Protein backbone atom coordinates (compact mmCIF):
# COMPACT_ATOMS: atom_id res chain seq x y z
CA MET A 1 -41.06 53.78 47.44
CA ASP A 2 -41.96 56.06 50.32
CA ALA A 3 -41.74 55.27 54.04
CA ALA A 4 -45.36 54.10 54.32
CA GLU A 5 -44.98 51.70 51.41
CA PHE A 6 -41.67 50.46 52.81
CA LYS A 7 -43.35 49.76 56.17
CA GLU A 8 -46.18 47.96 54.40
CA LYS A 9 -44.13 45.80 52.04
CA VAL A 10 -40.65 45.34 53.54
CA ILE A 11 -40.96 45.44 57.33
CA PRO A 12 -43.39 42.45 57.46
CA LEU A 13 -40.57 40.32 56.00
CA SER A 14 -38.51 40.75 59.17
CA GLY A 15 -39.54 37.38 60.67
CA LYS A 16 -38.53 35.40 57.60
CA LEU A 17 -35.34 37.37 57.14
CA PHE A 18 -34.40 36.88 60.79
CA HIS A 19 -35.13 33.14 60.68
CA PHE A 20 -33.03 32.76 57.54
CA ALA A 21 -30.18 34.89 58.93
CA ARG A 22 -30.23 32.89 62.17
CA LEU A 23 -30.03 29.64 60.21
CA LEU A 24 -27.00 30.84 58.30
CA LEU A 25 -25.20 32.71 61.08
CA LYS A 26 -26.10 30.35 63.94
CA ASP A 27 -26.23 33.27 66.35
CA HIS A 28 -29.39 34.99 67.56
CA ALA A 29 -27.87 38.40 68.31
CA GLU A 30 -25.84 38.51 65.11
CA ALA A 31 -28.94 37.57 63.10
CA GLU A 32 -30.85 40.45 64.72
CA ASP A 33 -28.03 42.87 63.90
CA SER A 34 -27.84 41.55 60.36
CA VAL A 35 -31.56 42.03 59.76
CA GLN A 36 -31.24 45.64 60.92
CA GLU A 37 -28.34 46.16 58.52
CA ILE A 38 -30.31 44.50 55.72
CA PHE A 39 -33.25 46.84 56.36
CA LEU A 40 -30.87 49.80 56.13
CA LYS A 41 -29.54 48.44 52.85
CA LEU A 42 -33.08 47.91 51.52
CA TRP A 43 -34.04 51.42 52.66
CA LYS A 44 -31.15 52.84 50.67
CA LEU A 45 -32.40 50.84 47.66
CA ARG A 46 -36.05 51.84 48.25
CA PHE A 47 -36.38 53.76 44.99
CA SER A 48 -35.34 50.73 42.92
CA LEU A 49 -37.27 48.08 44.91
CA SER A 50 -40.36 48.49 42.76
CA THR A 51 -38.43 47.13 39.78
CA TYR A 52 -38.25 43.66 41.38
CA ASP A 53 -41.08 41.25 40.60
CA ASN A 54 -40.72 39.40 43.91
CA LEU A 55 -39.64 41.71 46.71
CA GLU A 56 -39.51 38.86 49.23
CA ALA A 57 -37.16 36.82 47.05
CA PHE A 58 -34.93 39.87 46.57
CA ALA A 59 -34.86 40.53 50.33
CA MET A 60 -33.99 36.88 50.98
CA LYS A 61 -31.18 37.08 48.41
CA VAL A 62 -29.81 40.23 50.06
CA THR A 63 -30.01 38.46 53.44
CA ARG A 64 -28.23 35.39 52.09
CA ASN A 65 -25.43 37.45 50.55
CA TRP A 66 -25.06 39.59 53.69
CA CYS A 67 -24.85 36.51 55.91
CA LEU A 68 -22.39 34.72 53.64
CA ASP A 69 -20.19 37.81 53.69
CA ARG A 70 -20.33 37.81 57.51
CA ILE A 71 -19.45 34.11 57.63
CA GLN A 72 -16.50 34.62 55.32
CA ALA A 73 -15.32 37.54 57.44
CA LYS A 74 -15.02 35.38 60.53
CA LYS A 75 -15.42 31.84 61.69
CA PRO A 76 -19.10 30.91 62.23
CA LEU A 77 -20.44 30.56 65.76
CA TYR A 78 -22.41 27.42 66.66
CA ILE A 79 -25.09 27.63 69.29
CA GLU A 80 -27.36 25.08 70.88
CA SER A 81 -30.29 27.42 71.48
CA TYR A 82 -32.11 26.79 68.17
CA SER A 83 -35.59 25.68 69.10
CA PRO A 84 -37.77 24.72 66.14
CA GLY A 85 -41.54 24.85 66.39
CA PHE A 86 -41.90 21.08 66.53
CA ASP A 87 -40.46 21.02 70.07
CA ARG A 88 -43.56 22.71 71.52
CA HIS A 89 -45.05 20.93 74.50
CA SER A 90 -48.56 19.53 74.36
CA GLU A 91 -50.68 17.97 77.04
CA MET A 92 -50.76 14.66 75.16
CA ASP A 93 -46.98 14.23 75.01
CA SER A 94 -45.43 12.18 77.74
CA PRO A 95 -42.08 13.23 79.21
CA LEU A 96 -40.48 10.25 77.45
CA GLY A 97 -42.10 11.22 74.14
CA LEU A 98 -40.86 14.79 74.52
CA LEU A 99 -37.36 13.55 75.28
CA GLU A 100 -37.39 11.27 72.22
CA LYS A 101 -38.61 14.10 69.99
CA ALA A 102 -35.92 16.42 71.35
CA ASP A 103 -33.22 13.79 70.74
CA GLN A 104 -34.49 13.11 67.22
CA MET A 105 -34.61 16.81 66.42
CA LYS A 106 -31.11 17.36 67.80
CA THR A 107 -29.82 14.47 65.68
CA VAL A 108 -31.48 15.84 62.54
CA GLN A 109 -30.08 19.32 63.27
CA GLN A 110 -26.57 17.90 63.67
CA ILE A 111 -26.91 15.99 60.41
CA ILE A 112 -28.14 19.11 58.59
CA GLN A 113 -25.28 21.18 60.04
CA ALA A 114 -22.82 18.60 58.70
CA LEU A 115 -24.18 19.01 55.15
CA PRO A 116 -22.43 21.30 52.69
CA GLU A 117 -23.64 24.90 52.96
CA GLN A 118 -25.58 24.83 49.70
CA GLN A 119 -27.49 21.71 50.76
CA GLN A 120 -28.20 23.22 54.19
CA THR A 121 -29.64 26.34 52.59
CA VAL A 122 -31.76 24.48 50.04
CA ILE A 123 -33.21 22.08 52.61
CA GLN A 124 -33.97 25.00 54.94
CA LEU A 125 -35.71 27.00 52.24
CA ARG A 126 -37.72 24.10 50.81
CA ASP A 127 -38.54 21.76 53.70
CA ILE A 128 -38.63 24.19 56.62
CA ASP A 129 -39.57 27.57 55.15
CA GLY A 130 -41.75 26.13 52.36
CA TYR A 131 -40.34 28.03 49.39
CA GLU A 132 -41.11 26.82 45.88
CA TYR A 133 -38.33 25.43 43.70
CA GLU A 134 -38.45 28.46 41.40
CA GLU A 135 -38.06 30.86 44.34
CA ILE A 136 -35.12 28.88 45.70
CA ALA A 137 -33.52 28.83 42.26
CA GLU A 138 -33.82 32.61 42.06
CA LEU A 139 -32.45 33.10 45.59
CA MET A 140 -29.52 30.75 45.10
CA ASN A 141 -28.67 31.69 41.49
CA MET A 142 -29.28 28.09 40.40
CA ASN A 143 -31.58 26.52 37.87
CA VAL A 144 -34.63 24.60 39.11
CA ASN A 145 -33.17 21.19 38.23
CA ALA A 146 -30.02 21.94 40.21
CA VAL A 147 -32.18 22.88 43.20
CA ARG A 148 -34.06 19.57 42.92
CA VAL A 149 -30.81 17.59 42.67
CA THR A 150 -29.27 19.44 45.62
CA LEU A 151 -32.39 18.88 47.73
CA SER A 152 -32.49 15.20 46.79
CA ARG A 153 -28.85 14.72 47.73
CA ALA A 154 -29.36 16.50 51.05
CA ARG A 155 -32.42 14.37 51.88
CA ASN A 156 -30.57 11.20 50.93
CA LYS A 157 -27.63 12.10 53.18
CA ILE A 158 -30.00 12.79 56.07
CA ARG A 159 -31.79 9.49 55.44
CA GLU A 160 -28.46 7.60 55.30
CA HIS A 161 -27.29 9.12 58.58
CA LEU A 162 -30.55 8.36 60.31
CA ILE A 163 -30.40 4.74 59.14
CA ASN A 164 -26.69 4.35 59.94
CA PHE A 165 -26.98 5.86 63.40
CA GLY A 166 -30.11 3.97 64.28
CA TYR A 167 -33.38 5.79 64.10
CA HIS A 168 -35.95 5.35 66.90
CA GLY A 169 -33.36 4.14 69.36
CA TYR A 170 -32.28 1.01 67.47
CA SER A 171 -28.68 0.54 66.49
CA ALA A 172 -27.79 -0.01 62.84
CA ASN A 173 -26.96 -3.66 63.59
CA GLN A 174 -30.36 -4.30 65.11
CA ASN A 175 -32.06 -2.73 62.10
CA SER A 176 -30.26 -4.97 59.66
CA ALA A 177 -31.15 -8.08 61.69
CA ARG A 178 -34.87 -7.33 61.50
């Protein structure tokens, strides 16, 4: 793979790789640095990249492994600056509606962060990034059924927490009385 082909096929993956690295590392600057290091690693492997059927899946796997190595090397940093796309303001949202959405999103983020790492990764890849089960299985070195089970368990834990902590501003006791 020459430089032009690398620019055409690998560089466009930077957004996805950064988003995934940021999810795992929980630090914007460290995710940026990691993506640069991953590109260097992929550049060094450029002559063997054509042997992979799915270059994106391979790049995501390299990113995952790089980030997990970084996490193991030091304690992870938690930041509050993650701002998912669903928090965007619109003219139709009232200030109260925006506040409720922000609170709900923060609650869901906290619940997801409390999940085991494997469940966090699977739910991120499937429900947020939109990867197919087969792609996730390849990235995570799991079989497709294990991915489905892991995703189901993660969703059930999120659902349980939302019910237990009172979704839509109602306490769990008020929900059970209705």
